[in-house]
Structure formats: C-alpha cells, structure tokens
Amino acid sequence: MFAALNTMEPPIVELESATREERNKIWHEERLPIRQNRVRHRLDELSSRLGNADWLDAAFTAGDLLMVTVLRRLNGWGILEEKPNLAAYVARGEARAAYKRAFEDQLAVFTGNSPPG
C-alpha cells in the first residue's frame, strides 16, 4: 500500500497535474518526456517486482487493490501498455468483484449516489 501511494502515485500525479496545469506553458513540451520517463522508471521497477505473478504478494490483497487504482490513472497515456504484465495486472484487478465494489462505492460518494446503509 505504501508503494502505491508513496512510490507509484507521486510521479503519476505530477504527470497529470503538469499536463492539466502547464499545458500552455512554453516549457511543457520539453518537460513532458521527463515526467513520462519518471513514470516509466517506476513502472520498470514495479514490472520487475511483479514478474509473471498475478498479484504482488501471492494472493490478492488490499495492496493490489490500491496499486490497481493508482495505475488506472495512466489510462489514455499509453505508458502502462508498454509493460504487458502491468496492463494485465490492472485488468485482473479491475475484474475482481472486490475491486468493482470498492470502485463503485468510491464513485458513489462523488456522484451523490451513495449506497444505502
């Protein structure tokens, strides 16, 4: 969980925010590849750690739930797809019922459609 939030997420958020907030700055095009390569570096490390395994620690854990959520932020960038084992990892995670429930519950908070209870 710490790796998802403290190792993977920061460069991904930096890439997102720079694209959103600095898109019109003269340095944006020069700095974009630097930010993308920071993300790639972290993905290289994660890809090596995962290897051919289905999950980071043998069985699916809350750490996988969080890591999949963080990695989903790369949708549309084409960067995650450069690591087939990570793209497959995210797809496996998204397909799990526990992930779907957690995602739907979180989304409900933001859309105002919280589940009863």
N, C-alpha and C. Protein backbone atom coordinates (compact mmCIF):
# COMPACT_ATOMS: atom_id res chain seq x y z
N MET A 1 0.82 -1.18 0.00
CA MET A 1 0.00 0.00 0.00
C MET A 1 0.87 1.25 0.00
N PHE A 2 1.95 1.21 0.78
CA PHE A 2 2.86 2.35 0.80
C PHE A 2 3.51 2.56 -0.56
N ALA A 3 3.85 1.47 -1.23
CA ALA A 3 4.46 1.60 -2.56
C ALA A 3 3.49 2.25 -3.54
N ALA A 4 2.23 1.91 -3.46
CA ALA A 4 1.24 2.50 -4.35
C ALA A 4 1.14 4.00 -4.12
N LEU A 5 1.03 4.39 -2.86
CA LEU A 5 0.80 5.80 -2.54
C LEU A 5 2.06 6.66 -2.54
N ASN A 6 3.18 6.08 -2.15
CA ASN A 6 4.39 6.88 -1.96
C ASN A 6 5.46 6.70 -3.03
N THR A 7 5.34 5.65 -3.82
CA THR A 7 6.33 5.40 -4.86
C THR A 7 5.72 5.56 -6.25
N MET A 8 4.59 4.93 -6.47
CA MET A 8 3.98 4.96 -7.81
C MET A 8 3.15 6.22 -8.05
N GLU A 9 2.35 6.60 -7.10
CA GLU A 9 1.40 7.68 -7.34
C GLU A 9 2.03 9.07 -7.55
N PRO A 10 3.05 9.46 -6.79
CA PRO A 10 3.58 10.82 -6.97
C PRO A 10 4.00 11.17 -8.40
N PRO A 11 4.79 10.34 -9.10
CA PRO A 11 5.15 10.76 -10.46
C PRO A 11 3.95 10.73 -11.42
N ILE A 12 2.98 9.87 -11.15
CA ILE A 12 1.78 9.83 -11.99
C ILE A 12 0.96 11.09 -11.79
N VAL A 13 0.79 11.49 -10.54
CA VAL A 13 0.04 12.73 -10.25
C VAL A 13 0.78 13.93 -10.82
N GLU A 14 2.09 13.93 -10.73
CA GLU A 14 2.88 15.04 -11.29
C GLU A 14 2.66 15.14 -12.79
N LEU A 15 2.64 14.00 -13.47
CA LEU A 15 2.40 13.99 -14.91
C LEU A 15 1.00 14.52 -15.22
N GLU A 16 0.02 14.05 -14.48
CA GLU A 16 -1.36 14.52 -14.70
C GLU A 16 -1.50 16.02 -14.46
N SER A 17 -1.00 16.45 -13.33
CA SER A 17 -1.18 17.86 -12.98
C SER A 17 -0.39 18.79 -13.90
N ALA A 18 0.79 18.38 -14.29
CA ALA A 18 1.58 19.20 -15.22
C ALA A 18 0.86 19.33 -16.55
N THR A 19 0.25 18.26 -16.99
CA THR A 19 -0.47 18.30 -18.25
C THR A 19 -1.70 19.20 -18.15
N ARG A 20 -2.37 19.10 -17.04
CA ARG A 20 -3.58 19.90 -16.84
C ARG A 20 -3.25 21.38 -16.59
N GLU A 21 -2.25 21.64 -15.77
CA GLU A 21 -1.99 23.00 -15.31
C GLU A 21 -0.92 23.75 -16.10
N GLU A 22 -0.05 23.02 -16.81
CA GLU A 22 1.05 23.67 -17.51
C GLU A 22 1.00 23.49 -19.02
N ARG A 23 -0.11 22.99 -19.50
CA ARG A 23 -0.24 22.68 -20.92
C ARG A 23 0.11 23.87 -21.81
N ASN A 24 -0.20 25.07 -21.38
CA ASN A 24 0.03 26.27 -22.20
C ASN A 24 1.36 26.96 -21.93
N LYS A 25 2.17 26.39 -21.08
CA LYS A 25 3.47 26.99 -20.77
C LYS A 25 4.48 26.61 -21.86
N ILE A 26 5.42 27.50 -22.09
CA ILE A 26 6.37 27.25 -23.17
C ILE A 26 7.27 26.04 -22.89
N TRP A 27 7.47 25.70 -21.65
CA TRP A 27 8.34 24.58 -21.30
C TRP A 27 7.62 23.22 -21.26
N HIS A 28 6.32 23.24 -21.41
CA HIS A 28 5.55 22.00 -21.24
C HIS A 28 6.04 20.87 -22.15
N GLU A 29 6.18 21.13 -23.43
CA GLU A 29 6.59 20.08 -24.38
C GLU A 29 7.98 19.53 -24.08
N GLU A 30 8.87 20.37 -23.57
CA GLU A 30 10.22 19.91 -23.22
C GLU A 30 10.21 19.06 -21.97
N ARG A 31 9.37 19.41 -21.01
CA ARG A 31 9.36 18.72 -19.72
C ARG A 31 8.49 17.47 -19.71
N LEU A 32 7.53 17.38 -20.62
CA LEU A 32 6.63 16.24 -20.65
C LEU A 32 7.37 14.90 -20.75
N PRO A 33 8.34 14.75 -21.65
CA PRO A 33 9.07 13.48 -21.71
C PRO A 33 9.83 13.16 -20.41
N ILE A 34 10.29 14.16 -19.72
CA ILE A 34 10.98 13.94 -18.44
C ILE A 34 10.00 13.34 -17.44
N ARG A 35 8.82 13.92 -17.37
CA ARG A 35 7.81 13.41 -16.44
C ARG A 35 7.36 12.01 -16.83
N GLN A 36 7.17 11.78 -18.10
CA GLN A 36 6.77 10.46 -18.57
C GLN A 36 7.84 9.43 -18.24
N ASN A 37 9.11 9.79 -18.38
CA ASN A 37 10.19 8.86 -18.07
C ASN A 37 10.28 8.56 -16.58
N ARG A 38 9.92 9.51 -15.73
CA ARG A 38 9.86 9.23 -14.30
C ARG A 38 8.82 8.16 -14.00
N VAL A 39 7.69 8.27 -14.67
CA VAL A 39 6.64 7.25 -14.51
C VAL A 39 7.15 5.92 -15.04
N ARG A 40 7.77 5.93 -16.21
CA ARG A 40 8.30 4.69 -16.79
C ARG A 40 9.31 4.02 -15.86
N HIS A 41 10.15 4.82 -15.23
CA HIS A 41 11.14 4.27 -14.31
C HIS A 41 10.45 3.51 -13.18
N ARG A 42 9.43 4.10 -12.61
CA ARG A 42 8.69 3.43 -11.52
C ARG A 42 7.98 2.19 -12.04
N LEU A 43 7.43 2.28 -13.26
CA LEU A 43 6.77 1.11 -13.84
C LEU A 43 7.77 -0.01 -14.11
N ASP A 44 8.97 0.34 -14.52
CA ASP A 44 10.02 -0.67 -14.71
C ASP A 44 10.27 -1.44 -13.41
N GLU A 45 10.38 -0.70 -12.32
CA GLU A 45 10.62 -1.34 -11.01
C GLU A 45 9.45 -2.22 -10.62
N LEU A 46 8.24 -1.72 -10.78
CA LEU A 46 7.06 -2.50 -10.42
C LEU A 46 6.92 -3.72 -11.31
N SER A 47 7.17 -3.55 -12.59
CA SER A 47 7.10 -4.68 -13.52
C SER A 47 8.07 -5.78 -13.13
N SER A 48 9.28 -5.39 -12.76
CA SER A 48 10.27 -6.38 -12.31
C SER A 48 9.82 -7.08 -11.04
N ARG A 49 9.25 -6.31 -10.13
CA ARG A 49 8.78 -6.88 -8.85
C ARG A 49 7.64 -7.87 -9.08
N LEU A 50 6.70 -7.50 -9.96
CA LEU A 50 5.56 -8.38 -10.24
C LEU A 50 5.99 -9.60 -11.04
N GLY A 51 6.86 -9.40 -12.01
CA GLY A 51 7.29 -10.52 -12.86
C GLY A 51 6.11 -11.16 -13.54
N ASN A 52 6.01 -12.48 -13.43
CA ASN A 52 4.91 -13.24 -14.04
C ASN A 52 3.81 -13.57 -13.06
N ALA A 53 3.91 -13.04 -11.85
CA ALA A 53 2.91 -13.33 -10.82
C ALA A 53 1.59 -12.62 -11.14
N ASP A 54 0.53 -13.14 -10.58
CA ASP A 54 -0.78 -12.49 -10.73
C ASP A 54 -0.90 -11.28 -9.81
N TRP A 55 -0.35 -11.41 -8.59
CA TRP A 55 -0.50 -10.37 -7.57
C TRP A 55 0.85 -10.10 -6.93
N LEU A 56 0.96 -8.98 -6.27
CA LEU A 56 2.24 -8.56 -5.71
C LEU A 56 2.73 -9.46 -4.58
N ASP A 57 1.81 -10.00 -3.79
CA ASP A 57 2.20 -10.86 -2.67
C ASP A 57 1.45 -12.18 -2.69
N ALA A 58 1.54 -12.91 -3.77
CA ALA A 58 0.91 -14.22 -3.96
C ALA A 58 -0.60 -14.09 -4.09
N ALA A 59 -1.31 -13.82 -2.99
CA ALA A 59 -2.77 -13.68 -3.03
C ALA A 59 -3.14 -12.21 -3.21
N PHE A 60 -4.31 -11.97 -3.75
CA PHE A 60 -4.82 -10.61 -3.91
C PHE A 60 -4.99 -9.97 -2.54
N THR A 61 -4.46 -8.75 -2.38
CA THR A 61 -4.53 -8.05 -1.10
C THR A 61 -5.03 -6.63 -1.30
N ALA A 62 -5.19 -5.93 -0.19
CA ALA A 62 -5.55 -4.51 -0.25
C ALA A 62 -4.47 -3.72 -0.97
N GLY A 63 -3.23 -4.17 -0.88
CA GLY A 63 -2.15 -3.51 -1.61
C GLY A 63 -2.37 -3.56 -3.11
N ASP A 64 -2.85 -4.70 -3.61
CA ASP A 64 -3.16 -4.82 -5.04
C ASP A 64 -4.34 -3.92 -5.40
N LEU A 65 -5.33 -3.88 -4.54
CA LEU A 65 -6.49 -3.02 -4.76
C LEU A 65 -6.04 -1.57 -4.94
N LEU A 66 -5.17 -1.12 -4.06
CA LEU A 66 -4.69 0.25 -4.12
C LEU A 66 -3.77 0.48 -5.31
N MET A 67 -2.89 -0.47 -5.58
CA MET A 67 -1.96 -0.32 -6.71
C MET A 67 -2.72 -0.24 -8.03
N VAL A 68 -3.72 -1.09 -8.20
CA VAL A 68 -4.52 -1.06 -9.42
C VAL A 68 -5.21 0.29 -9.57
N THR A 69 -5.72 0.82 -8.48
CA THR A 69 -6.38 2.12 -8.51
C THR A 69 -5.40 3.22 -8.95
N VAL A 70 -4.20 3.18 -8.41
CA VAL A 70 -3.18 4.17 -8.79
C VAL A 70 -2.80 4.01 -10.26
N LEU A 71 -2.58 2.79 -10.70
CA LEU A 71 -2.15 2.56 -12.08
C LEU A 71 -3.22 2.93 -13.10
N ARG A 72 -4.48 2.84 -12.70
CA ARG A 72 -5.57 3.22 -13.60
C ARG A 72 -5.47 4.68 -14.03
N ARG A 73 -4.81 5.48 -13.24
CA ARG A 73 -4.66 6.90 -13.57
C ARG A 73 -3.89 7.08 -14.87
N LEU A 74 -3.19 6.05 -15.30
CA LEU A 74 -2.41 6.12 -16.54
C LEU A 74 -3.25 5.82 -17.78
N ASN A 75 -4.53 5.50 -17.61
CA ASN A 75 -5.40 5.23 -18.76
C ASN A 75 -5.34 6.40 -19.72
N GLY A 76 -5.15 6.07 -20.99
CA GLY A 76 -5.13 7.10 -22.02
C GLY A 76 -3.73 7.62 -22.35
N TRP A 77 -2.75 7.31 -21.52
CA TRP A 77 -1.38 7.77 -21.78
C TRP A 77 -0.60 6.81 -22.68
N GLY A 78 -0.97 5.53 -22.69
CA GLY A 78 -0.23 4.55 -23.47
C GLY A 78 1.03 4.05 -22.78
N ILE A 79 1.32 4.57 -21.61
CA ILE A 79 2.55 4.22 -20.89
C ILE A 79 2.42 2.85 -20.22
N LEU A 80 1.29 2.60 -19.59
CA LEU A 80 1.10 1.33 -18.90
C LEU A 80 1.17 0.16 -19.88
N GLU A 81 0.66 0.36 -21.07
CA GLU A 81 0.64 -0.71 -22.08
C GLU A 81 2.04 -1.11 -22.53
N GLU A 82 3.02 -0.29 -22.24
CA GLU A 82 4.41 -0.64 -22.57
C GLU A 82 4.91 -1.80 -21.71
N LYS A 83 4.22 -2.05 -20.61
CA LYS A 83 4.55 -3.16 -19.70
C LYS A 83 3.37 -4.13 -19.70
N PRO A 84 3.38 -5.13 -20.60
CA PRO A 84 2.23 -6.03 -20.70
C PRO A 84 1.85 -6.71 -19.39
N ASN A 85 2.84 -7.03 -18.56
CA ASN A 85 2.49 -7.70 -17.30
C ASN A 85 1.73 -6.74 -16.38
N LEU A 86 2.03 -5.45 -16.43
CA LEU A 86 1.31 -4.49 -15.60
C LEU A 86 -0.08 -4.20 -16.16
N ALA A 87 -0.19 -4.12 -17.49
CA ALA A 87 -1.50 -3.92 -18.09
C ALA A 87 -2.42 -5.10 -17.75
N ALA A 88 -1.88 -6.30 -17.80
CA ALA A 88 -2.67 -7.49 -17.44
C ALA A 88 -3.00 -7.50 -15.96
N TYR A 89 -2.08 -7.06 -15.13
CA TYR A 89 -2.30 -6.95 -13.68
C TYR A 89 -3.46 -6.01 -13.38
N VAL A 90 -3.48 -4.86 -14.03
CA VAL A 90 -4.57 -3.91 -13.82
C VAL A 90 -5.89 -4.52 -14.29
N ALA A 91 -5.88 -5.17 -15.44
CA ALA A 91 -7.11 -5.80 -15.95
C ALA A 91 -7.62 -6.87 -14.99
N ARG A 92 -6.71 -7.68 -14.44
CA ARG A 92 -7.12 -8.70 -13.46
C ARG A 92 -7.73 -8.04 -12.23
N GLY A 93 -7.09 -6.99 -11.77
CA GLY A 93 -7.58 -6.30 -10.59
C GLY A 93 -8.95 -5.69 -10.81
N GLU A 94 -9.13 -5.03 -11.95
CA GLU A 94 -10.41 -4.40 -12.26
C GLU A 94 -11.52 -5.42 -12.41
N ALA A 95 -11.18 -6.64 -12.79
CA ALA A 95 -12.19 -7.68 -12.99
C ALA A 95 -12.68 -8.31 -11.69
N ARG A 96 -11.97 -8.11 -10.61
CA ARG A 96 -12.33 -8.73 -9.33
C ARG A 96 -13.56 -8.04 -8.73
N ALA A 97 -14.42 -8.86 -8.14
CA ALA A 97 -15.65 -8.34 -7.52
C ALA A 97 -15.32 -7.34 -6.41
N ALA A 98 -14.29 -7.62 -5.62
CA ALA A 98 -13.92 -6.71 -4.53
C ALA A 98 -13.49 -5.35 -5.08
N TYR A 99 -12.78 -5.36 -6.18
CA TYR A 99 -12.36 -4.09 -6.78
C TYR A 99 -13.59 -3.34 -7.31
N LYS A 100 -14.46 -4.05 -8.00
CA LYS A 100 -15.65 -3.40 -8.56
C LYS A 100 -16.49 -2.77 -7.45
N ARG A 101 -16.67 -3.49 -6.34
CA ARG A 101 -17.44 -2.94 -5.22
C ARG A 101 -16.78 -1.70 -4.65
N ALA A 102 -15.48 -1.77 -4.42
CA ALA A 102 -14.76 -0.63 -3.85
C ALA A 102 -14.82 0.57 -4.80
N PHE A 103 -14.64 0.33 -6.08
CA PHE A 103 -14.67 1.42 -7.05
C PHE A 103 -16.07 2.04 -7.11
N GLU A 104 -17.09 1.21 -7.16
CA GLU A 104 -18.47 1.71 -7.22
C GLU A 104 -18.82 2.50 -5.96
N ASP A 105 -18.39 2.01 -4.79
CA ASP A 105 -18.66 2.72 -3.54
C ASP A 105 -17.96 4.07 -3.52
N GLN A 106 -16.73 4.12 -3.99
CA GLN A 106 -16.00 5.39 -4.03
C GLN A 106 -16.63 6.34 -5.03
N LEU A 107 -16.99 5.84 -6.18
CA LEU A 107 -17.62 6.67 -7.20
C LEU A 107 -18.95 7.24 -6.69
N ALA A 108 -19.69 6.45 -5.94
CA ALA A 108 -20.98 6.89 -5.42
C ALA A 108 -20.83 8.10 -4.52
N VAL A 109 -19.75 8.17 -3.78
CA VAL A 109 -19.51 9.32 -2.91
C VAL A 109 -19.39 10.60 -3.75
N PHE A 110 -18.73 10.50 -4.89
CA PHE A 110 -18.51 11.66 -5.73
C PHE A 110 -19.72 12.02 -6.60
N THR A 111 -20.55 11.05 -6.88
CA THR A 111 -21.72 11.33 -7.72
C THR A 111 -22.98 11.59 -6.90
N GLY A 112 -22.87 11.43 -5.57
CA GLY A 112 -24.03 11.66 -4.71
C GLY A 112 -25.01 10.51 -4.69
N ASN A 113 -24.59 9.37 -5.18
CA ASN A 113 -25.44 8.18 -5.20
C ASN A 113 -24.93 7.12 -4.24
N SER A 114 -24.68 7.52 -3.01
CA SER A 114 -24.15 6.58 -2.03
C SER A 114 -25.10 5.41 -1.84
N PRO A 115 -24.54 4.20 -1.71
CA PRO A 115 -25.38 3.03 -1.50
C PRO A 115 -26.09 3.13 -0.15
N PRO A 116 -27.29 2.60 -0.04
CA PRO A 116 -27.99 2.65 1.25
C PRO A 116 -27.24 1.91 2.32
N GLY A 117 -27.39 2.37 3.52
CA GLY A 117 -26.73 1.61 4.57
C GLY A 117 -26.25 2.47 5.61
